[in-house]
PDB file of N, CA and C in Angstrom:
ATOM      1  N   UNK A   1     101.948 102.225  84.651  1.00  0.00           N
ATOM      2  CA  UNK A   1     102.006 100.742  85.088  1.00  0.00           C
ATOM      3  C   UNK A   1     102.975 100.562  86.249  1.00  0.00           C
ATOM      4  N   UNK A   2     103.956 101.336  86.365  1.00  0.00           N
ATOM      5  CA  UNK A   2     104.938 101.199  87.448  1.00  0.00           C
ATOM      6  C   UNK A   2     104.210 101.529  88.796  1.00  0.00           C
ATOM      7  N   UNK A   3     103.314 102.478  88.803  1.00  0.00           N
ATOM      8  CA  UNK A   3     102.618 102.964  89.963  1.00  0.00           C
ATOM      9  C   UNK A   3     101.788 101.715  90.516  1.00  0.00           C
ATOM     10  N   UNK A   4     101.177 101.062  89.541  1.00  0.00           N
ATOM     11  CA  UNK A   4     100.417  99.925  89.938  1.00  0.00           C
ATOM     12  C   UNK A   4     101.180  98.846  90.485  1.00  0.00           C
ATOM     13  N   UNK A   5     102.355  98.505  90.049  1.00  0.00           N
ATOM     14  CA  UNK A   5     103.280  97.578  90.498  1.00  0.00           C
ATOM     15  C   UNK A   5     103.606  97.821  91.994  1.00  0.00           C
ATOM     16  N   UNK A   6     103.942  99.131  92.235  1.00  0.00           N
ATOM     17  CA  UNK A   6     104.367  99.571  93.466  1.00  0.00           C
ATOM     18  C   UNK A   6     103.326  99.453  94.480  1.00  0.00           C
ATOM     19  N   UNK A   7     102.035  99.876  94.164  1.00  0.00           N
ATOM     20  CA  UNK A   7     100.950  99.627  94.976  1.00  0.00           C
ATOM     21  C   UNK A   7     100.652  98.170  95.289  1.00  0.00           C
ATOM     22  N   UNK A   8     100.891  97.310  94.298  1.00  0.00           N
ATOM     23  CA  UNK A   8     100.675  95.842  94.541  1.00  0.00           C
ATOM     24  C   UNK A   8     101.755  95.326  95.556  1.00  0.00           C
ATOM     25  N   UNK A   9     102.977  95.834  95.400  1.00  0.00           N
ATOM     26  CA  UNK A   9     104.013  95.273  96.256  1.00  0.00           C
ATOM     27  C   UNK A   9     103.822  95.796  97.664  1.00  0.00           C
ATOM     28  N   UNK A  10     103.408  96.991  97.773  1.00  0.00           N
ATOM     29  CA  UNK A  10     103.265  97.528  99.267  1.00  0.00           C
ATOM     30  C   UNK A  10     102.007  96.775  99.744  1.00  0.00           C
ATOM     31  N   UNK A  11     101.004  96.516  99.117  1.00  0.00           N
ATOM     32  CA  UNK A  11      99.844  95.862  99.695  1.00  0.00           C
ATOM     33  C   UNK A  11     100.252  94.459 100.068  1.00  0.00           C
ATOM     34  N   UNK A  12     100.975  93.730  99.244  1.00  0.00           N
ATOM     35  CA  UNK A  12     101.442  92.323  99.533  1.00  0.00           C
ATOM     36  C   UNK A  12     102.305  92.454 100.745  1.00  0.00           C
ATOM     37  N   UNK A  13     103.202  93.366 100.834  1.00  0.00           N
ATOM     38  CA  UNK A  13     104.151  93.462 102.077  1.00  0.00           C
ATOM     39  C   UNK A  13     103.262  93.753 103.359  1.00  0.00           C
ATOM     40  N   UNK A  14     102.221  94.363 103.119  1.00  0.00           N
ATOM     41  CA  UNK A  14     101.322  94.782 104.373  1.00  0.00           C
ATOM     42  C   UNK A  14     100.708  93.443 104.845  1.00  0.00           C
ATOM     43  N   UNK A  15     100.423  92.413 103.971  1.00  0.00           N
ATOM     44  CA  UNK A  15      99.834  91.101 104.433  1.00  0.00           C
ATOM     45  C   UNK A  15     100.819  90.216 105.020  1.00  0.00           C
ATOM     46  N   UNK A  16     102.118  90.422 104.853  1.00  0.00           N
ATOM     47  CA  UNK A  16     103.191  89.451 105.323  1.00  0.00           C
ATOM     48  C   UNK A  16     103.166  89.277 106.862  1.00  0.00           C
ATOM     49  N   UNK A  17     102.913  90.384 107.684  1.00  0.00           N
ATOM     50  CA  UNK A  17     102.676  89.993 109.108  1.00  0.00           C
ATOM     51  C   UNK A  17     101.557  88.987 109.441  1.00  0.00           C
ATOM     52  N   UNK A  18     100.662  88.885 108.556  1.00  0.00           N
ATOM     53  CA  UNK A  18      99.554  87.892 108.750  1.00  0.00           C
ATOM     54  C   UNK A  18     100.025  86.541 108.572  1.00  0.00           C
ATOM     55  N   UNK A  19     101.199  86.291 108.136  1.00  0.00           N
ATOM     56  CA  UNK A  19     101.717  84.876 107.730  1.00  0.00           C
ATOM     57  C   UNK A  19     102.468  84.393 109.017  1.00  0.00           C
ATOM     58  N   UNK A  20     101.782  84.495 110.095  1.00  0.00           N
ATOM     59  CA  UNK A  20     102.441  83.999 111.377  1.00  0.00           C
ATOM     60  C   UNK A  20     101.502  83.138 112.109  1.00  0.00           C
ATOM     61  N   UNK A  21     101.946  82.346 112.975  1.00  0.00           N
ATOM     62  CA  UNK A  21     101.185  81.458 113.768  1.00  0.00           C
ATOM     63  C   UNK A  21     101.626  81.518 115.219  1.00  0.00           C
ATOM     64  N   UNK A  22     100.934  81.187 116.119  1.00  0.00           N
ATOM     65  CA  UNK A  22     101.294  81.130 117.545  1.00  0.00           C
ATOM     66  C   UNK A  22     101.584  79.635 117.934  1.00  0.00           C
ATOM     67  N   UNK A  23     102.621  79.437 118.558  1.00  0.00           N
ATOM     68  CA  UNK A  23     103.072  77.996 119.051  1.00  0.00           C
ATOM     69  C   UNK A  23     103.106  78.043 120.477  1.00  0.00           C
ATOM     70  N   UNK A  24     102.679  76.958 121.116  1.00  0.00           N
ATOM     71  CA  UNK A  24     102.723  76.926 122.583  1.00  0.00           C
ATOM     72  C   UNK A  24     104.284  76.755 123.118  1.00  0.00           C
ATOM     73  N   UNK A  25     104.622  77.395 124.023  1.00  0.00           N
ATOM     74  CA  UNK A  25     105.992  77.187 124.626  1.00  0.00           C
ATOM     75  C   UNK A  25     105.784  76.189 125.594  1.00  0.00           C
ATOM     76  N   UNK A  26     106.581  75.030 125.557  1.00  0.00           N
ATOM     77  CA  UNK A  26     106.555  73.876 126.380  1.00  0.00           C
ATOM     78  C   UNK A  26     106.676  74.097 127.790  1.00  0.00           C
ATOM     79  N   UNK A  27     107.814  74.790 128.041  1.00  0.00           N
ATOM     80  CA  UNK A  27     108.193  75.027 129.581  1.00  0.00           C
ATOM     81  C   UNK A  27     108.567  76.472 129.761  1.00  0.00           C
ATOM     82  N   UNK A  28     107.570  77.441 129.786  1.00  0.00           N
ATOM     83  CA  UNK A  28     107.903  78.935 129.861  1.00  0.00           C
ATOM     84  C   UNK A  28     108.810  79.307 130.974  1.00  0.00           C
ATOM     85  N   UNK A  29     108.473  78.675 132.226  1.00  0.00           N
ATOM     86  CA  UNK A  29     109.257  78.925 133.389  1.00  0.00           C
ATOM     87  C   UNK A  29     110.729  78.867 133.093  1.00  0.00           C
ATOM     88  N   UNK A  30     111.314  77.585 132.603  1.00  0.00           N
ATOM     89  CA  UNK A  30     112.633  77.520 132.553  1.00  0.00           C
ATOM     90  C   UNK A  30     113.210  78.271 131.196  1.00  0.00           C
ATOM     91  N   UNK A  31     112.383  78.300 130.207  1.00  0.00           N
ATOM     92  CA  UNK A  31     112.836  78.937 128.916  1.00  0.00           C
ATOM     93  C   UNK A  31     112.974  80.497 129.168  1.00  0.00           C
ATOM     94  N   UNK A  32     112.015  81.174 129.847  1.00  0.00           N
ATOM     95  CA  UNK A  32     112.061  82.490 129.967  1.00  0.00           C
ATOM     96  C   UNK A  32     113.074  82.931 131.142  1.00  0.00           C
ATOM     97  N   UNK A  33     113.559  82.011 131.987  1.00  0.00           N
ATOM     98  CA  UNK A  33     114.622  82.299 132.932  1.00  0.00           C
ATOM     99  C   UNK A  33     116.056  82.286 132.256  1.00  0.00           C
ATOM    100  N   UNK A  34     116.169  81.637 131.221  1.00  0.00           N
ATOM    101  CA  UNK A  34     117.439  81.452 130.519  1.00  0.00           C
ATOM    102  C   UNK A  34     117.845  82.826 130.091  1.00  0.00           C
ATOM    103  N   UNK A  35     119.134  83.264 130.397  1.00  0.00           N
ATOM    104  CA  UNK A  35     119.531  84.670 130.052  1.00  0.00           C
ATOM    105  C   UNK A  35     119.729  84.787 128.507  1.00  0.00           C
ATOM    106  N   UNK A  36     119.907  83.713 127.752  1.00  0.00           N
ATOM    107  CA  UNK A  36     119.965  83.922 126.215  1.00  0.00           C
ATOM    108  C   UNK A  36     118.689  84.054 125.600  1.00  0.00           C
ATOM    109  N   UNK A  37     117.571  83.918 126.254  1.00  0.00           N
ATOM    110  CA  UNK A  37     116.258  84.061 125.659  1.00  0.00           C
ATOM    111  C   UNK A  37     115.759  85.457 125.600  1.00  0.00           C
ATOM    112  N   UNK A  38     115.675  86.021 124.243  1.00  0.00           N
ATOM    113  CA  UNK A  38     115.245  87.308 124.195  1.00  0.00           C
ATOM    114  C   UNK A  38     114.008  87.492 123.362  1.00  0.00           C
ATOM    115  N   UNK A  39     112.913  87.078 123.854  1.00  0.00           N
ATOM    116  CA  UNK A  39     111.592  87.186 123.217  1.00  0.00           C
ATOM    117  C   UNK A  39     111.108  88.705 123.284  1.00  0.00           C
ATOM    118  N   UNK A  40     110.597  89.108 122.204  1.00  0.00           N
ATOM    119  CA  UNK A  40     110.021  90.487 122.238  1.00  0.00           C
ATOM    120  C   UNK A  40     108.611  90.487 122.829  1.00  0.00           C
ATOM    121  N   UNK A  41     107.797  89.465 122.429  1.00  0.00           N
ATOM    122  CA  UNK A  41     106.393  89.430 122.762  1.00  0.00           C
ATOM    123  C   UNK A  41     105.944  88.013 122.890  1.00  0.00           C
ATOM    124  N   UNK A  42     105.008  87.789 123.888  1.00  0.00           N
ATOM    125  CA  UNK A  42     104.327  86.390 123.890  1.00  0.00           C
ATOM    126  C   UNK A  42     102.913  86.685 124.135  1.00  0.00           C
ATOM    127  N   UNK A  43     102.111  85.753 123.924  1.00  0.00           N
ATOM    128  CA  UNK A  43     100.617  85.795 124.213  1.00  0.00           C
ATOM    129  C   UNK A  43     100.501  84.861 125.387  1.00  0.00           C
ATOM    130  N   UNK A  44      99.845  85.304 126.508  1.00  0.00           N
ATOM    131  CA  UNK A  44      99.635  84.653 127.830  1.00  0.00           C
ATOM    132  C   UNK A  44      98.194  84.325 127.858  1.00  0.00           C
ATOM    133  N   UNK A  45      97.957  83.049 128.233  1.00  0.00           N
ATOM    134  CA  UNK A  45      96.499  82.722 128.556  1.00  0.00           C
ATOM    135  C   UNK A  45      96.459  82.199 129.917  1.00  0.00           C
ATOM    136  N   UNK A  46      95.710  82.829 130.732  1.00  0.00           N
ATOM    137  CA  UNK A  46      95.498  82.387 132.174  1.00  0.00           C
ATOM    138  C   UNK A  46      94.558  81.290 132.386  1.00  0.00           C
ATOM    139  N   UNK A  47      94.653  80.612 133.425  1.00  0.00           N
ATOM    140  CA  UNK A  47      93.650  79.568 133.692  1.00  0.00           C
ATOM    141  C   UNK A  47      92.184  80.028 133.653  1.00  0.00           C
ATOM    142  N   UNK A  48      91.992  81.250 134.014  1.00  0.00           N
ATOM    143  CA  UNK A  48      90.688  81.841 134.036  1.00  0.00           C
ATOM    144  C   UNK A  48      90.194  82.127 132.518  1.00  0.00           C
ATOM    145  N   UNK A  49      91.005  81.970 131.579  1.00  0.00           N
ATOM    146  CA  UNK A  49      90.684  82.193 130.148  1.00  0.00           C
ATOM    147  C   UNK A  49      91.046  83.505 129.648  1.00  0.00           C
ATOM    148  N   UNK A  50      91.402  84.483 130.439  1.00  0.00           N
ATOM    149  CA  UNK A  50      91.896  85.754 130.066  1.00  0.00           C
ATOM    150  C   UNK A  50      93.083  85.588 129.247  1.00  0.00           C
ATOM    151  N   UNK A  51      93.349  86.310 128.132  1.00  0.00           N
ATOM    152  CA  UNK A  51      94.318  86.312 127.217  1.00  0.00           C
ATOM    153  C   UNK A  51      95.015  87.824 127.027  1.00  0.00           C
ATOM    154  N   UNK A  52      96.254  87.968 127.067  1.00  0.00           N
ATOM    155  CA  UNK A  52      96.901  89.189 126.775  1.00  0.00           C
ATOM    156  C   UNK A  52      98.295  89.049 126.272  1.00  0.00           C
ATOM    157  N   UNK A  53      98.723  90.014 125.635  1.00  0.00           N
ATOM    158  CA  UNK A  53     100.242  90.030 125.070  1.00  0.00           C
ATOM    159  C   UNK A  53     101.013  90.673 126.126  1.00  0.00           C
ATOM    160  N   UNK A  54     102.296  90.122 126.243  1.00  0.00           N
ATOM    161  CA  UNK A  54     103.244  90.636 127.164  1.00  0.00           C
ATOM    162  C   UNK A  54     104.483  90.835 126.393  1.00  0.00           C
ATOM    163  N   UNK A  55     105.030  92.044 126.539  1.00  0.00           N
ATOM    164  CA  UNK A  55     106.268  92.370 125.839  1.00  0.00           C
ATOM    165  C   UNK A  55     107.508  92.236 126.829  1.00  0.00           C
ATOM    166  N   UNK A  56     108.613  91.856 126.348  1.00  0.00           N
ATOM    167  CA  UNK A  56     109.803  91.719 127.114  1.00  0.00           C
ATOM    168  C   UNK A  56     109.688  90.732 128.307  1.00  0.00           C
ATOM    169  N   UNK A  57     109.043  89.512 127.999  1.00  0.00           N
ATOM    170  CA  UNK A  57     108.712  88.592 129.132  1.00  0.00           C
ATOM    171  C   UNK A  57     109.819  88.094 129.876  1.00  0.00           C
ATOM    172  N   UNK A  58     109.804  87.812 131.164  1.00  0.00           N
ATOM    173  CA  UNK A  58     110.872  87.247 131.873  1.00  0.00           C
ATOM    174  C   UNK A  58     110.332  86.596 133.179  1.00  0.00           C
ATOM    175  N   UNK A  59     110.922  85.572 133.701  1.00  0.00           N
ATOM    176  CA  UNK A  59     110.491  84.903 134.888  1.00  0.00           C
ATOM    177  C   UNK A  59     111.317  85.521 135.952  1.00  0.00           C
ATOM    178  N   UNK A  60     110.622  85.968 136.943  1.00  0.00           N
ATOM    179  CA  UNK A  60     111.345  86.416 138.230  1.00  0.00           C
ATOM    180  C   UNK A  60     110.701  85.770 139.487  1.00  0.00           C
ATOM    181  N   UNK A  61     111.390  84.774 140.011  1.00  0.00           N
ATOM    182  CA  UNK A  61     110.896  84.050 141.061  1.00  0.00           C
ATOM    183  C   UNK A  61     109.792  83.086 140.696  1.00  0.00           C
ATOM    184  N   UNK A  62     108.582  83.260 141.122  1.00  0.00           N
ATOM    185  CA  UNK A  62     107.526  82.557 140.740  1.00  0.00           C
ATOM    186  C   UNK A  62     106.515  83.258 139.908  1.00  0.00           C
ATOM    187  N   UNK A  63     107.041  84.397 139.328  1.00  0.00           N
ATOM    188  CA  UNK A  63     106.048  85.238 138.492  1.00  0.00           C
ATOM    189  C   UNK A  63     106.660  85.442 137.134  1.00  0.00           C
ATOM    190  N   UNK A  64     105.591  85.774 136.149  1.00  0.00           N
ATOM    191  CA  UNK A  64     105.965  86.040 134.709  1.00  0.00           C
ATOM    192  C   UNK A  64     105.717  87.462 134.678  1.00  0.00           C
ATOM    193  N   UNK A  65     106.820  88.304 134.406  1.00  0.00           N
ATOM    194  CA  UNK A  65     106.667  89.778 134.346  1.00  0.00           C
ATOM    195  C   UNK A  65     106.967  90.269 132.890  1.00  0.00           C
ATOM    196  N   UNK A  66     106.461  91.334 132.601  1.00  0.00           N
ATOM    197  CA  UNK A  66     106.721  91.951 131.367  1.00  0.00           C
ATOM    198  C   UNK A  66     105.907  93.226 131.269  1.00  0.00           C
ATOM    199  N   UNK A  67     105.859  93.939 130.017  1.00  0.00           N
ATOM    200  CA  UNK A  67     105.093  95.139 129.924  1.00  0.00           C
ATOM    201  C   UNK A  67     103.911  94.819 129.017  1.00  0.00           C
ATOM    202  N   UNK A  68     102.811  95.512 129.256  1.00  0.00           N
ATOM    203  CA  UNK A  68     101.696  95.511 128.348  1.00  0.00           C
ATOM    204  C   UNK A  68     101.978  96.449 127.163  1.00  0.00           C
ATOM    205  N   UNK A  69     101.207  96.294 126.156  1.00  0.00           N
ATOM    206  CA  UNK A  69     101.375  97.292 124.999  1.00  0.00           C
ATOM    207  C   UNK A  69     101.354  98.661 125.423  1.00  0.00           C
ATOM    208  N   UNK A  70     100.814  99.099 126.518  1.00  0.00           N
ATOM    209  CA  UNK A  70     100.739 100.531 126.943  1.00  0.00           C
ATOM    210  C   UNK A  70     101.865 100.852 127.844  1.00  0.00           C
ATOM    211  N   UNK A  71     102.885  99.881 127.995  1.00  0.00           N
ATOM    212  CA  UNK A  71     104.149 100.100 128.740  1.00  0.00           C
ATOM    213  C   UNK A  71     104.010  99.991 130.287  1.00  0.00           C
ATOM    214  N   UNK A  72     102.818  99.613 130.738  1.00  0.00           N
ATOM    215  CA  UNK A  72     102.658  99.263 132.091  1.00  0.00           C
ATOM    216  C   UNK A  72     103.175  97.898 132.447  1.00  0.00           C
ATOM    217  N   UNK A  73     103.913  97.829 133.500  1.00  0.00           N
ATOM    218  CA  UNK A  73     104.469  96.519 133.950  1.00  0.00           C
ATOM    219  C   UNK A  73     103.403  95.568 134.568  1.00  0.00           C
ATOM    220  N   UNK A  74     103.414  94.336 134.106  1.00  0.00           N
ATOM    221  CA  UNK A  74     102.469  93.409 134.544  1.00  0.00           C
ATOM    222  C   UNK A  74     103.098  92.225 135.060  1.00  0.00           C
ATOM    223  N   UNK A  75     102.744  91.768 136.235  1.00  0.00           N
ATOM    224  CA  UNK A  75     103.242  90.561 136.885  1.00  0.00           C
ATOM    225  C   UNK A  75     102.154  89.480 137.127  1.00  0.00           C
ATOM    226  N   UNK A  76     102.286  88.222 136.786  1.00  0.00           N
ATOM    227  CA  UNK A  76     101.213  87.301 137.070  1.00  0.00           C
ATOM    228  C   UNK A  76     101.989  86.038 137.671  1.00  0.00           C
ATOM    229  N   UNK A  77     101.295  85.353 138.516  1.00  0.00           N
ATOM    230  CA  UNK A  77     101.917  84.243 139.153  1.00  0.00           C
ATOM    231  C   UNK A  77     101.916  83.029 138.021  1.00  0.00           C
ATOM    232  N   UNK A  78     103.068  82.319 138.061  1.00  0.00           N
ATOM    233  CA  UNK A  78     103.220  81.255 137.052  1.00  0.00           C
ATOM    234  C   UNK A  78     102.176  80.112 137.382  1.00  0.00           C
ATOM    235  N   UNK A  79     101.723  80.127 138.559  1.00  0.00           N
ATOM    236  CA  UNK A  79     100.586  79.005 138.861  1.00  0.00           C
ATOM    237  C   UNK A  79      99.286  79.433 138.004  1.00  0.00           C
ATOM    238  N   UNK A  80      99.049  80.699 137.875  1.00  0.00           N
ATOM    239  CA  UNK A  80      97.849  81.179 137.189  1.00  0.00           C
ATOM    240  C   UNK A  80      97.839  80.990 135.565  1.00  0.00           C
ATOM    241  N   UNK A  81      99.102  80.681 135.088  1.00  0.00           N
ATOM    242  CA  UNK A  81      99.227  80.707 133.684  1.00  0.00           C
ATOM    243  C   UNK A  81      99.075  79.414 133.111  1.00  0.00           C
ATOM    244  N   UNK A  82      98.067  79.380 132.073  1.00  0.00           N
ATOM    245  CA  UNK A  82      97.763  78.048 131.432  1.00  0.00           C
ATOM    246  C   UNK A  82      98.720  77.781 130.319  1.00  0.00           C
ATOM    247  N   UNK A  83      98.999  78.797 129.333  1.00  0.00           N
ATOM    248  CA  UNK A  83      99.757  78.653 128.348  1.00  0.00           C
ATOM    249  C   UNK A  83     100.529  79.943 127.981  1.00  0.00           C
ATOM    250  N   UNK A  84     101.758  79.798 127.377  1.00  0.00           N
ATOM    251  CA  UNK A  84     102.482  80.929 126.899  1.00  0.00           C
ATOM    252  C   UNK A  84     102.846  80.561 125.466  1.00  0.00           C
ATOM    253  N   UNK A  85     102.417  81.579 124.422  1.00  0.00           N
ATOM    254  CA  UNK A  85     102.599  81.171 123.126  1.00  0.00           C
ATOM    255  C   UNK A  85     103.461  82.176 122.489  1.00  0.00           C
ATOM    256  N   UNK A  86     104.358  81.770 121.560  1.00  0.00           N
ATOM    257  CA  UNK A  86     105.229  82.603 120.851  1.00  0.00           C
ATOM    258  C   UNK A  86     104.821  82.698 119.348  1.00  0.00           C
ATOM    259  N   UNK A  87     104.997  83.915 118.894  1.00  0.00           N
ATOM    260  CA  UNK A  87     104.511  84.141 117.493  1.00  0.00           C
ATOM    261  C   UNK A  87     105.664  83.760 116.619  1.00  0.00           C
ATOM    262  N   UNK A  88     105.506  82.935 115.542  1.00  0.00           N
ATOM    263  CA  UNK A  88     106.531  82.554 114.615  1.00  0.00           C
ATOM    264  C   UNK A  88     105.981  82.602 113.315  1.00  0.00           C
ATOM    265  N   UNK A  89     106.880  83.006 112.333  1.00  0.00           N
ATOM    266  CA  UNK A  89     106.587  83.172 110.760  1.00  0.00           C
ATOM    267  C   UNK A  89     106.251  81.744 110.324  1.00  0.00           C
ATOM    268  N   UNK A  90     105.107  81.718 109.633  1.00  0.00           N
ATOM    269  CA  UNK A  90     104.726  80.360 108.987  1.00  0.00           C
ATOM    270  C   UNK A  90     105.175  80.449 107.488  1.00  0.00           C
ATOM    271  N   UNK A  91     106.065  79.618 107.146  1.00  0.00           N
ATOM    272  CA  UNK A  91     106.357  79.536 105.683  1.00  0.00           C
ATOM    273  C   UNK A  91     105.212  79.126 104.882  1.00  0.00           C
ATOM    274  N   UNK A  92     104.472  78.147 105.354  1.00  0.00           N
ATOM    275  CA  UNK A  92     103.334  77.590 104.535  1.00  0.00           C
ATOM    276  C   UNK A  92     102.301  78.800 104.342  1.00  0.00           C
ATOM    277  N   UNK A  93     101.973  79.446 105.394  1.00  0.00           N
ATOM    278  CA  UNK A  93     101.040  80.624 105.090  1.00  0.00           C
ATOM    279  C   UNK A  93     101.615  81.708 104.313  1.00  0.00           C
ATOM    280  N   UNK A  94     102.874  81.864 104.246  1.00  0.00           N
ATOM    281  CA  UNK A  94     103.526  82.962 103.513  1.00  0.00           C
ATOM    282  C   UNK A  94     103.537  82.564 102.081  1.00  0.00           C
ATOM    283  N   UNK A  95     103.795  81.223 101.811  1.00  0.00           N
ATOM    284  CA  UNK A  95     103.914  80.753 100.378  1.00  0.00           C
ATOM    285  C   UNK A  95     102.470  80.689  99.889  1.00  0.00           C
ATOM    286  N   UNK A  96     101.436  80.320 100.573  1.00  0.00           N
ATOM    287  CA  UNK A  96     100.119  80.169 100.182  1.00  0.00           C
ATOM    288  C   UNK A  96      99.607  81.620  99.908  1.00  0.00           C
ATOM    289  N   UNK A  97      99.889  82.570 100.708  1.00  0.00           N
ATOM    290  CA  UNK A  97      99.511  84.042 100.489  1.00  0.00           C
ATOM    291  C   UNK A  97     100.064  84.642  99.213  1.00  0.00           C
ATOM    292  N   UNK A  98     101.461  84.297  98.907  1.00  0.00           N
ATOM    293  CA  UNK A  98     102.000  84.763  97.672  1.00  0.00           C
ATOM    294  C   UNK A  98     101.355  84.053  96.535  1.00  0.00           C
ATOM    295  N   UNK A  99     101.222  82.766  96.560  1.00  0.00           N
ATOM    296  CA  UNK A  99     100.628  82.118  95.444  1.00  0.00           C
ATOM    297  C   UNK A  99      99.188  82.563  95.121  1.00  0.00           C
ATOM    298  N   UNK A 100      98.403  82.760  96.140  1.00  0.00           N
ATOM    299  CA  UNK A 100      96.977  83.268  96.008  1.00  0.00           C
ATOM    300  C   UNK A 100      97.061  84.690  95.399  1.00  0.00           C
ATOM    301  N   UNK A 101      97.928  85.482  95.847  1.00  0.00           N
ATOM    302  CA  UNK A 101      98.017  86.871  95.366  1.00  0.00           C
ATOM    303  C   UNK A 101      98.376  86.774  93.864  1.00  0.00           C
ATOM    304  N   UNK A 102      99.345  86.040  93.471  1.00  0.00           N
ATOM    305  CA  UNK A 102      99.777  85.891  92.123  1.00  0.00           C
ATOM    306  C   UNK A 102      98.625  85.372  91.252  1.00  0.00           C
ATOM    307  N   UNK A 103      97.885  84.287  91.785  1.00  0.00           N
ATOM    308  CA  UNK A 103      96.633  83.816  91.050  1.00  0.00           C
ATOM    309  C   UNK A 103      95.582  84.901  90.727  1.00  0.00           C
ATOM    310  N   UNK A 104      95.350  85.714  91.872  1.00  0.00           N
ATOM    311  CA  UNK A 104      94.320  86.688  91.666  1.00  0.00           C
ATOM    312  C   UNK A 104      94.692  87.808  90.778  1.00  0.00           C
ATOM    313  N   UNK A 105      96.005  88.161  90.794  1.00  0.00           N
ATOM    314  CA  UNK A 105      96.586  89.190  89.795  1.00  0.00           C
ATOM    315  C   UNK A 105      96.554  88.680  88.342  1.00  0.00           C
ATOM    316  N   UNK A 106      96.868  87.469  88.131  1.00  0.00           N
ATOM    317  CA  UNK A 106      96.736  86.887  86.868  1.00  0.00           C
ATOM    318  C   UNK A 106      95.332  86.869  86.499  1.00  0.00           C
ATOM    319  N   UNK A 107      94.365  86.471  87.221  1.00  0.00           N
ATOM    320  CA  UNK A 107      92.955  86.509  86.946  1.00  0.00           C
ATOM    321  C   UNK A 107      92.359  87.867  86.605  1.00  0.00           C
ATOM    322  N   UNK A 108      92.869  88.815  87.283  1.00  0.00           N
ATOM    323  CA  UNK A 108      92.515  90.259  86.976  1.00  0.00           C
ATOM    324  C   UNK A 108      93.021  90.590  85.646  1.00  0.00           C
ATOM    325  N   UNK A 109      94.297  90.368  85.436  1.00  0.00           N
ATOM    326  CA  UNK A 109      94.858  90.767  84.174  1.00  0.00           C
ATOM    327  C   UNK A 109      94.328  90.077  83.003  1.00  0.00           C
ATOM    328  N   UNK A 110      93.949  88.784  83.094  1.00  0.00           N
ATOM    329  CA  UNK A 110      93.295  88.083  81.944  1.00  0.00           C
ATOM    330  C   UNK A 110      91.927  88.574  81.708  1.00  0.00           C
ATOM    331  N   UNK A 111      91.204  88.916  82.838  1.00  0.00           N
ATOM    332  CA  UNK A 111      89.738  89.515  82.635  1.00  0.00           C
ATOM    333  C   UNK A 111      89.874  90.841  81.984  1.00  0.00           C
ATOM    334  N   UNK A 112      90.854  91.669  82.358  1.00  0.00           N
ATOM    335  CA  UNK A 112      90.998  93.057  81.765  1.00  0.00           C
ATOM    336  C   UNK A 112      91.334  92.861  80.317  1.00  0.00           C
ATOM    337  N   UNK A 113      92.198  91.952  79.932  1.00  0.00           N
ATOM    338  CA  UNK A 113      92.726  91.728  78.654  1.00  0.00           C
ATOM    339  C   UNK A 113      91.530  91.276  77.714  1.00  0.00           C
ATOM    340  N   UNK A 114      90.721  90.316  78.232  1.00  0.00           N
ATOM    341  CA  UNK A 114      89.611  89.728  77.438  1.00  0.00           C
ATOM    342  C   UNK A 114      88.617  90.875  77.195  1.00  0.00           C
ATOM    343  N   UNK A 115      88.156  91.596  78.163  1.00  0.00           N
ATOM    344  CA  UNK A 115      87.113  92.566  78.088  1.00  0.00           C
ATOM    345  C   UNK A 115      87.582  93.830  77.328  1.00  0.00           C
ATOM    346  N   UNK A 116      88.876  94.083  77.382  1.00  0.00           N
ATOM    347  CA  UNK A 116      89.380  95.342  76.678  1.00  0.00           C
ATOM    348  C   UNK A 116      89.623  95.130  75.394  1.00  0.00           C
ATOM    349  N   UNK A 117      89.639  93.794  74.840  1.00  0.00           N
ATOM    350  CA  UNK A 117      89.982  93.440  73.408  1.00  0.00           C
ATOM    351  C   UNK A 117      88.606  93.602  72.637  1.00  0.00           C
ATOM    352  N   UNK A 118      87.371  93.715  73.111  1.00  0.00           N
ATOM    353  CA  UNK A 118      86.220  93.877  72.404  1.00  0.00           C
ATOM    354  C   UNK A 118      85.960  95.295  71.973  1.00  0.00           C
TER     355      UNK A 118
END
């Protein structure tokens, strides 16, 4: 039974990164220029509709710079950027996932108990 609990905990922990949502950064130019801003990754949407993730984003002059997931440096003009989104943990999604997981686990346990009693 301990092995089953361990597997359940590991699987639940694997779903926790899914409990996040992207929110639009209102003024990326001034926010990313600030020296205290240390964002690890943002999602950039260009006016052309292209989307990509940028690691260690920063504003240098009139450009948004950072690295792609493959560690290549990418620079794009701020005028071409439609939105910059930041990934944040969503408490509502996290609580919902935990409650749904508990409900499913109880349902499975009750089903097993009912059918194993015969």
